[in-house]
Amino acid sequence: MGTIAKNNAYYHSRGFFKNGIKDGKWLTLFIWVDGRIPPRVDAGIYLKGKKHGKWRVYRHGNDKKEILYEHGEIIFTAKP
């Protein structure tokens, strides 16, 4: 967790590592301090350091989005 973009955003990320590489369930939250971009939450699974399977992206005030990854590459994007 920490701040990014010259302290304009706060992020919090939590999940699992295996041998120092992201592997398993992850949740990441981004909040822009000045409110210019809605807060965002990404939730999904990493497999050997790459996004894999179904990821859900939520933005306050916007539609939810589901993204299907295969070893880090986007295969399909849908709005449920």
PDB file of N, CA and C in Angstrom:
ATOM      1  N   MET A   1       0.833  -1.173   0.000  1.00  0.00           N
ATOM      2  CA  MET A   1       0.000   0.000   0.000  1.00  0.00           C
ATOM      3  C   MET A   1       0.879   1.237   0.000  1.00  0.00           C
ATOM      4  N   GLY A   2       0.319   2.342  -0.416  1.00  0.00           N
ATOM      5  CA  GLY A   2       1.094   3.561  -0.458  1.00  0.00           C
ATOM      6  C   GLY A   2       0.433   4.593  -1.336  1.00  0.00           C
ATOM      7  N   THR A   3       1.208   5.550  -1.799  1.00  0.00           N
ATOM      8  CA  THR A   3       0.697   6.584  -2.681  1.00  0.00           C
ATOM      9  C   THR A   3       1.452   6.528  -4.001  1.00  0.00           C
ATOM     10  N   ILE A   4       0.792   6.970  -5.054  1.00  0.00           N
ATOM     11  CA  ILE A   4       1.395   6.999  -6.383  1.00  0.00           C
ATOM     12  C   ILE A   4       1.065   8.319  -7.049  1.00  0.00           C
ATOM     13  N   ALA A   5       1.640   8.556  -8.187  1.00  0.00           N
ATOM     14  CA  ALA A   5       1.374   9.745  -9.007  1.00  0.00           C
ATOM     15  C   ALA A   5       1.508  11.025  -8.194  1.00  0.00           C
ATOM     16  N   LYS A   6       2.698  11.238  -7.648  1.00  0.00           N
ATOM     17  CA  LYS A   6       3.005  12.457  -6.887  1.00  0.00           C
ATOM     18  C   LYS A   6       2.009  12.688  -5.756  1.00  0.00           C
ATOM     19  N   ASN A   7       1.694  11.603  -5.034  1.00  0.00           N
ATOM     20  CA  ASN A   7       0.783  11.639  -3.889  1.00  0.00           C
ATOM     21  C   ASN A   7      -0.653  12.015  -4.263  1.00  0.00           C
ATOM     22  N   ASN A   8      -1.038  11.841  -5.531  1.00  0.00           N
ATOM     23  CA  ASN A   8      -2.410  12.128  -5.947  1.00  0.00           C
ATOM     24  C   ASN A   8      -3.331  10.929  -5.808  1.00  0.00           C
ATOM     25  N   ALA A   9      -2.769   9.751  -5.576  1.00  0.00           N
ATOM     26  CA  ALA A   9      -3.594   8.546  -5.458  1.00  0.00           C
ATOM     27  C   ALA A   9      -3.071   7.666  -4.330  1.00  0.00           C
ATOM     28  N   TYR A  10      -4.000   6.936  -3.738  1.00  0.00           N
ATOM     29  CA  TYR A  10      -3.676   5.972  -2.706  1.00  0.00           C
ATOM     30  C   TYR A  10      -4.011   4.593  -3.258  1.00  0.00           C
ATOM     31  N   TYR A  11      -3.155   3.625  -3.014  1.00  0.00           N
ATOM     32  CA  TYR A  11      -3.481   2.263  -3.423  1.00  0.00           C
ATOM     33  C   TYR A  11      -3.191   1.296  -2.287  1.00  0.00           C
ATOM     34  N   HIS A  12      -3.980   0.253  -2.294  1.00  0.00           N
ATOM     35  CA  HIS A  12      -3.801  -0.825  -1.325  1.00  0.00           C
ATOM     36  C   HIS A  12      -3.935  -2.123  -2.100  1.00  0.00           C
ATOM     37  N   SER A  13      -2.974  -2.996  -1.949  1.00  0.00           N
ATOM     38  CA  SER A  13      -2.980  -4.258  -2.668  1.00  0.00           C
ATOM     39  C   SER A  13      -2.681  -5.377  -1.681  1.00  0.00           C
ATOM     40  N   ARG A  14      -3.427  -6.470  -1.796  1.00  0.00           N
ATOM     41  CA  ARG A  14      -3.172  -7.601  -0.925  1.00  0.00           C
ATOM     42  C   ARG A  14      -3.423  -8.893  -1.679  1.00  0.00           C
ATOM     43  N   GLY A  15      -2.598  -9.867  -1.377  1.00  0.00           N
ATOM     44  CA  GLY A  15      -2.726 -11.158  -2.028  1.00  0.00           C
ATOM     45  C   GLY A  15      -1.625 -12.096  -1.575  1.00  0.00           C
ATOM     46  N   PHE A  16      -1.395 -13.108  -2.364  1.00  0.00           N
ATOM     47  CA  PHE A  16      -0.455 -14.157  -2.006  1.00  0.00           C
ATOM     48  C   PHE A  16       0.753 -14.188  -2.936  1.00  0.00           C
ATOM     49  N   PHE A  17       1.882 -14.562  -2.378  1.00  0.00           N
ATOM     50  CA  PHE A  17       3.110 -14.755  -3.135  1.00  0.00           C
ATOM     51  C   PHE A  17       3.545 -16.210  -3.003  1.00  0.00           C
ATOM     52  N   LYS A  18       4.189 -16.708  -4.024  1.00  0.00           N
ATOM     53  CA  LYS A  18       4.810 -18.030  -3.969  1.00  0.00           C
ATOM     54  C   LYS A  18       6.200 -17.869  -4.562  1.00  0.00           C
ATOM     55  N   ASN A  19       7.218 -18.118  -3.745  1.00  0.00           N
ATOM     56  CA  ASN A  19       8.611 -17.916  -4.161  1.00  0.00           C
ATOM     57  C   ASN A  19       8.860 -16.491  -4.655  1.00  0.00           C
ATOM     58  N   GLY A  20       8.238 -15.509  -3.998  1.00  0.00           N
ATOM     59  CA  GLY A  20       8.456 -14.103  -4.324  1.00  0.00           C
ATOM     60  C   GLY A  20       7.692 -13.611  -5.539  1.00  0.00           C
ATOM     61  N   ILE A  21       6.786 -14.419  -6.097  1.00  0.00           N
ATOM     62  CA  ILE A  21       6.017 -14.051  -7.290  1.00  0.00           C
ATOM     63  C   ILE A  21       4.536 -14.083  -6.929  1.00  0.00           C
ATOM     64  N   LYS A  22       3.769 -13.101  -7.433  1.00  0.00           N
ATOM     65  CA  LYS A  22       2.330 -13.090  -7.175  1.00  0.00           C
ATOM     66  C   LYS A  22       1.734 -14.401  -7.682  1.00  0.00           C
ATOM     67  N   ASP A  23       0.978 -15.067  -6.793  1.00  0.00           N
ATOM     68  CA  ASP A  23       0.377 -16.346  -7.167  1.00  0.00           C
ATOM     69  C   ASP A  23      -0.815 -16.608  -6.247  1.00  0.00           C
ATOM     70  N   GLY A  24      -2.005 -16.523  -6.789  1.00  0.00           N
ATOM     71  CA  GLY A  24      -3.213 -16.720  -6.004  1.00  0.00           C
ATOM     72  C   GLY A  24      -4.116 -15.498  -6.075  1.00  0.00           C
ATOM     73  N   LYS A  25      -5.068 -15.419  -5.146  1.00  0.00           N
ATOM     74  CA  LYS A  25      -6.058 -14.338  -5.134  1.00  0.00           C
ATOM     75  C   LYS A  25      -5.418 -12.999  -4.787  1.00  0.00           C
ATOM     76  N   TRP A  26      -5.876 -11.936  -5.492  1.00  0.00           N
ATOM     77  CA  TRP A  26      -5.392 -10.580  -5.243  1.00  0.00           C
ATOM     78  C   TRP A  26      -6.549  -9.596  -5.291  1.00  0.00           C
ATOM     79  N   LEU A  27      -6.392  -8.533  -4.518  1.00  0.00           N
ATOM     80  CA  LEU A  27      -7.342  -7.426  -4.489  1.00  0.00           C
ATOM     81  C   LEU A  27      -6.528  -6.137  -4.478  1.00  0.00           C
ATOM     82  N   THR A  28      -6.861  -5.223  -5.379  1.00  0.00           N
ATOM     83  CA  THR A  28      -6.154  -3.937  -5.432  1.00  0.00           C
ATOM     84  C   THR A  28      -7.184  -2.813  -5.466  1.00  0.00           C
ATOM     85  N   LEU A  29      -6.964  -1.790  -4.636  1.00  0.00           N
ATOM     86  CA  LEU A  29      -7.862  -0.650  -4.529  1.00  0.00           C
ATOM     87  C   LEU A  29      -7.080   0.617  -4.866  1.00  0.00           C
ATOM     88  N   PHE A  30      -7.640   1.446  -5.766  1.00  0.00           N
ATOM     89  CA  PHE A  30      -7.051   2.738  -6.124  1.00  0.00           C
ATOM     90  C   PHE A  30      -8.048   3.831  -5.783  1.00  0.00           C
ATOM     91  N   ILE A  31      -7.592   4.847  -5.048  1.00  0.00           N
ATOM     92  CA  ILE A  31      -8.445   5.999  -4.727  1.00  0.00           C
ATOM     93  C   ILE A  31      -7.676   7.265  -5.076  1.00  0.00           C
ATOM     94  N   TRP A  32      -8.236   8.083  -5.954  1.00  0.00           N
ATOM     95  CA  TRP A  32      -7.608   9.353  -6.323  1.00  0.00           C
ATOM     96  C   TRP A  32      -7.971  10.394  -5.280  1.00  0.00           C
ATOM     97  N   VAL A  33      -6.984  11.006  -4.688  1.00  0.00           N
ATOM     98  CA  VAL A  33      -7.173  11.958  -3.593  1.00  0.00           C
ATOM     99  C   VAL A  33      -8.003  13.160  -4.037  1.00  0.00           C
ATOM    100  N   ASP A  34      -7.769  13.653  -5.241  1.00  0.00           N
ATOM    101  CA  ASP A  34      -8.493  14.840  -5.707  1.00  0.00           C
ATOM    102  C   ASP A  34      -9.864  14.508  -6.296  1.00  0.00           C
ATOM    103  N   GLY A  35     -10.220  13.224  -6.395  1.00  0.00           N
ATOM    104  CA  GLY A  35     -11.541  12.823  -6.862  1.00  0.00           C
ATOM    105  C   GLY A  35     -11.760  12.933  -8.355  1.00  0.00           C
ATOM    106  N   ARG A  36     -10.720  13.207  -9.128  1.00  0.00           N
ATOM    107  CA  ARG A  36     -10.903  13.398 -10.570  1.00  0.00           C
ATOM    108  C   ARG A  36     -11.213  12.100 -11.311  1.00  0.00           C
ATOM    109  N   ILE A  37     -10.836  10.976 -10.735  1.00  0.00           N
ATOM    110  CA  ILE A  37     -11.149   9.666 -11.306  1.00  0.00           C
ATOM    111  C   ILE A  37     -11.827   8.862 -10.207  1.00  0.00           C
ATOM    112  N   PRO A  38     -12.930   8.147 -10.538  1.00  0.00           N
ATOM    113  CA  PRO A  38     -13.617   7.378  -9.493  1.00  0.00           C
ATOM    114  C   PRO A  38     -12.719   6.293  -8.890  1.00  0.00           C
ATOM    115  N   PRO A  39     -12.955   5.941  -7.626  1.00  0.00           N
ATOM    116  CA  PRO A  39     -12.210   4.840  -7.019  1.00  0.00           C
ATOM    117  C   PRO A  39     -12.369   3.567  -7.853  1.00  0.00           C
ATOM    118  N   ARG A  40     -11.349   2.702  -7.813  1.00  0.00           N
ATOM    119  CA  ARG A  40     -11.365   1.481  -8.622  1.00  0.00           C
ATOM    120  C   ARG A  40     -10.891   0.304  -7.772  1.00  0.00           C
ATOM    121  N   VAL A  41     -11.545  -0.837  -7.953  1.00  0.00           N
ATOM    122  CA  VAL A  41     -11.156  -2.069  -7.278  1.00  0.00           C
ATOM    123  C   VAL A  41     -10.982  -3.152  -8.335  1.00  0.00           C
ATOM    124  N   ASP A  42      -9.833  -3.820  -8.324  1.00  0.00           N
ATOM    125  CA  ASP A  42      -9.562  -4.960  -9.200  1.00  0.00           C
ATOM    126  C   ASP A  42      -9.437  -6.205  -8.339  1.00  0.00           C
ATOM    127  N   ALA A  43     -10.096  -7.288  -8.731  1.00  0.00           N
ATOM    128  CA  ALA A  43     -10.027  -8.530  -7.966  1.00  0.00           C
ATOM    129  C   ALA A  43      -9.896  -9.710  -8.929  1.00  0.00           C
ATOM    130  N   GLY A  44      -8.940 -10.588  -8.630  1.00  0.00           N
ATOM    131  CA  GLY A  44      -8.744 -11.758  -9.475  1.00  0.00           C
ATOM    132  C   GLY A  44      -7.590 -12.605  -8.992  1.00  0.00           C
ATOM    133  N   ILE A  45      -7.084 -13.435  -9.885  1.00  0.00           N
ATOM    134  CA  ILE A  45      -6.039 -14.389  -9.542  1.00  0.00           C
ATOM    135  C   ILE A  45      -4.805 -14.172 -10.413  1.00  0.00           C
ATOM    136  N   TYR A  46      -3.651 -14.263  -9.767  1.00  0.00           N
ATOM    137  CA  TYR A  46      -2.378 -14.305 -10.479  1.00  0.00           C
ATOM    138  C   TYR A  46      -1.905 -15.751 -10.540  1.00  0.00           C
ATOM    139  N   LEU A  47      -1.332 -16.122 -11.658  1.00  0.00           N
ATOM    140  CA  LEU A  47      -0.727 -17.436 -11.818  1.00  0.00           C
ATOM    141  C   LEU A  47       0.706 -17.220 -12.270  1.00  0.00           C
ATOM    142  N   LYS A  48       1.645 -17.521 -11.395  1.00  0.00           N
ATOM    143  CA  LYS A  48       3.070 -17.343 -11.667  1.00  0.00           C
ATOM    144  C   LYS A  48       3.387 -15.917 -12.137  1.00  0.00           C
ATOM    145  N   GLY A  49       2.802 -14.941 -11.441  1.00  0.00           N
ATOM    146  CA  GLY A  49       3.109 -13.538 -11.696  1.00  0.00           C
ATOM    147  C   GLY A  49       2.315 -12.867 -12.796  1.00  0.00           C
ATOM    148  N   LYS A  50       1.381 -13.590 -13.428  1.00  0.00           N
ATOM    149  CA  LYS A  50       0.576 -13.013 -14.510  1.00  0.00           C
ATOM    150  C   LYS A  50      -0.902 -13.185 -14.197  1.00  0.00           C
ATOM    151  N   LYS A  51      -1.691 -12.168 -14.581  1.00  0.00           N
ATOM    152  CA  LYS A  51      -3.130 -12.270 -14.373  1.00  0.00           C
ATOM    153  C   LYS A  51      -3.651 -13.472 -15.161  1.00  0.00           C
ATOM    154  N   HIS A  52      -4.549 -14.225 -14.513  1.00  0.00           N
ATOM    155  CA  HIS A  52      -5.056 -15.434 -15.149  1.00  0.00           C
ATOM    156  C   HIS A  52      -6.496 -15.679 -14.689  1.00  0.00           C
ATOM    157  N   GLY A  53      -7.345 -16.048 -15.620  1.00  0.00           N
ATOM    158  CA  GLY A  53      -8.743 -16.306 -15.292  1.00  0.00           C
ATOM    159  C   GLY A  53      -9.556 -15.030 -15.276  1.00  0.00           C
ATOM    160  N   LYS A  54     -10.696 -15.077 -14.587  1.00  0.00           N
ATOM    161  CA  LYS A  54     -11.632 -13.953 -14.560  1.00  0.00           C
ATOM    162  C   LYS A  54     -11.207 -12.905 -13.533  1.00  0.00           C
ATOM    163  N   TRP A  55     -11.079 -11.680 -13.998  1.00  0.00           N
ATOM    164  CA  TRP A  55     -10.820 -10.538 -13.115  1.00  0.00           C
ATOM    165  C   TRP A  55     -12.040  -9.637 -13.157  1.00  0.00           C
ATOM    166  N   ARG A  56     -12.389  -9.080 -12.004  1.00  0.00           N
ATOM    167  CA  ARG A  56     -13.508  -8.142 -11.923  1.00  0.00           C
ATOM    168  C   ARG A  56     -12.961  -6.750 -11.624  1.00  0.00           C
ATOM    169  N   VAL A  57     -13.475  -5.768 -12.352  1.00  0.00           N
ATOM    170  CA  VAL A  57     -13.066  -4.380 -12.178  1.00  0.00           C
ATOM    171  C   VAL A  57     -14.316  -3.577 -11.826  1.00  0.00           C
ATOM    172  N   TYR A  58     -14.261  -2.877 -10.687  1.00  0.00           N
ATOM    173  CA  TYR A  58     -15.373  -2.059 -10.229  1.00  0.00           C
ATOM    174  C   TYR A  58     -14.919  -0.606 -10.156  1.00  0.00           C
ATOM    175  N   ARG A  59     -15.774   0.278 -10.654  1.00  0.00           N
ATOM    176  CA  ARG A  59     -15.534   1.718 -10.505  1.00  0.00           C
ATOM    177  C   ARG A  59     -16.790   2.346  -9.959  1.00  0.00           C
ATOM    178  N   HIS A  60     -16.631   3.186  -8.940  1.00  0.00           N
ATOM    179  CA  HIS A  60     -17.787   3.852  -8.342  1.00  0.00           C
ATOM    180  C   HIS A  60     -18.526   4.654  -9.410  1.00  0.00           C
ATOM    181  N   GLY A  61     -19.825   4.421  -9.535  1.00  0.00           N
ATOM    182  CA  GLY A  61     -20.627   5.174 -10.484  1.00  0.00           C
ATOM    183  C   GLY A  61     -20.597   4.623 -11.900  1.00  0.00           C
ATOM    184  N   ASN A  62     -19.758   3.644 -12.174  1.00  0.00           N
ATOM    185  CA  ASN A  62     -19.680   3.057 -13.511  1.00  0.00           C
ATOM    186  C   ASN A  62     -20.092   1.594 -13.453  1.00  0.00           C
ATOM    187  N   ASP A  63     -20.279   1.014 -14.629  1.00  0.00           N
ATOM    188  CA  ASP A  63     -20.605  -0.406 -14.693  1.00  0.00           C
ATOM    189  C   ASP A  63     -19.421  -1.248 -14.269  1.00  0.00           C
ATOM    190  N   LYS A  64     -19.751  -2.432 -13.782  1.00  0.00           N
ATOM    191  CA  LYS A  64     -18.714  -3.408 -13.476  1.00  0.00           C
ATOM    192  C   LYS A  64     -18.212  -3.985 -14.796  1.00  0.00           C
ATOM    193  N   LYS A  65     -16.992  -4.459 -14.769  1.00  0.00           N
ATOM    194  CA  LYS A  65     -16.420  -5.061 -15.968  1.00  0.00           C
ATOM    195  C   LYS A  65     -15.730  -6.355 -15.568  1.00  0.00           C
ATOM    196  N   GLU A  66     -15.865  -7.369 -16.404  1.00  0.00           N
ATOM    197  CA  GLU A  66     -15.143  -8.617 -16.191  1.00  0.00           C
ATOM    198  C   GLU A  66     -14.170  -8.807 -17.343  1.00  0.00           C
ATOM    199  N   ILE A  67     -12.940  -9.154 -16.987  1.00  0.00           N
ATOM    200  CA  ILE A  67     -11.902  -9.358 -17.995  1.00  0.00           C
ATOM    201  C   ILE A  67     -11.358 -10.768 -17.817  1.00  0.00           C
ATOM    202  N   LEU A  68     -11.285 -11.507 -18.903  1.00  0.00           N
ATOM    203  CA  LEU A  68     -10.753 -12.856 -18.863  1.00  0.00           C
ATOM    204  C   LEU A  68      -9.318 -12.830 -19.384  1.00  0.00           C
ATOM    205  N   TYR A  69      -8.390 -13.287 -18.539  1.00  0.00           N
ATOM    206  CA  TYR A  69      -6.973 -13.326 -18.887  1.00  0.00           C
ATOM    207  C   TYR A  69      -6.507 -14.767 -19.058  1.00  0.00           C
ATOM    208  N   GLU A  70      -5.550 -14.950 -19.920  1.00  0.00           N
ATOM    209  CA  GLU A  70      -4.860 -16.236 -20.031  1.00  0.00           C
ATOM    210  C   GLU A  70      -3.367 -15.951 -20.028  1.00  0.00           C
ATOM    211  N   HIS A  71      -2.724 -16.298 -18.922  1.00  0.00           N
ATOM    212  CA  HIS A  71      -1.279 -16.073 -18.726  1.00  0.00           C
ATOM    213  C   HIS A  71      -0.868 -14.632 -19.040  1.00  0.00           C
ATOM    214  N   GLY A  72      -1.664 -13.675 -18.532  1.00  0.00           N
ATOM    215  CA  GLY A  72      -1.329 -12.263 -18.638  1.00  0.00           C
ATOM    216  C   GLY A  72      -1.875 -11.546 -19.856  1.00  0.00           C
ATOM    217  N   GLU A  73      -2.483 -12.249 -20.780  1.00  0.00           N
ATOM    218  CA  GLU A  73      -3.035 -11.618 -21.983  1.00  0.00           C
ATOM    219  C   GLU A  73      -4.554 -11.597 -21.912  1.00  0.00           C
ATOM    220  N   ILE A  74      -5.141 -10.467 -22.323  1.00  0.00           N
ATOM    221  CA  ILE A  74      -6.592 -10.329 -22.301  1.00  0.00           C
ATOM    222  C   ILE A  74      -7.187 -11.187 -23.426  1.00  0.00           C
ATOM    223  N   ILE A  75      -8.131 -12.034 -23.037  1.00  0.00           N
ATOM    224  CA  ILE A  75      -8.814 -12.907 -23.982  1.00  0.00           C
ATOM    225  C   ILE A  75     -10.200 -12.356 -24.314  1.00  0.00           C
ATOM    226  N   PHE A  76     -10.879 -11.789 -23.284  1.00  0.00           N
ATOM    227  CA  PHE A  76     -12.255 -11.339 -23.467  1.00  0.00           C
ATOM    228  C   PHE A  76     -12.577 -10.297 -22.403  1.00  0.00           C
ATOM    229  N   THR A  77     -13.372  -9.289 -22.790  1.00  0.00           N
ATOM    230  CA  THR A  77     -13.843  -8.268 -21.859  1.00  0.00           C
ATOM    231  C   THR A  77     -15.360  -8.188 -21.969  1.00  0.00           C
ATOM    232  N   ALA A  78     -16.036  -8.171 -20.827  1.00  0.00           N
ATOM    233  CA  ALA A  78     -17.502  -8.113 -20.826  1.00  0.00           C
ATOM    234  C   ALA A  78     -18.001  -7.241 -19.704  1.00  0.00           C
ATOM    235  N   LYS A  79     -19.188  -6.671 -19.899  1.00  0.00           N
ATOM    236  CA  LYS A  79     -19.888  -5.946 -18.837  1.00  0.00           C
ATOM    237  C   LYS A  79     -21.076  -6.810 -18.443  1.00  0.00           C
ATOM    238  N   PRO A  80     -21.041  -7.369 -17.228  1.00  0.00           N
ATOM    239  CA  PRO A  80     -22.137  -8.265 -16.814  1.00  0.00           C
ATOM    240  C   PRO A  80     -23.456  -7.545 -16.639  1.00  0.00           C
TER     241      PRO A  80
END
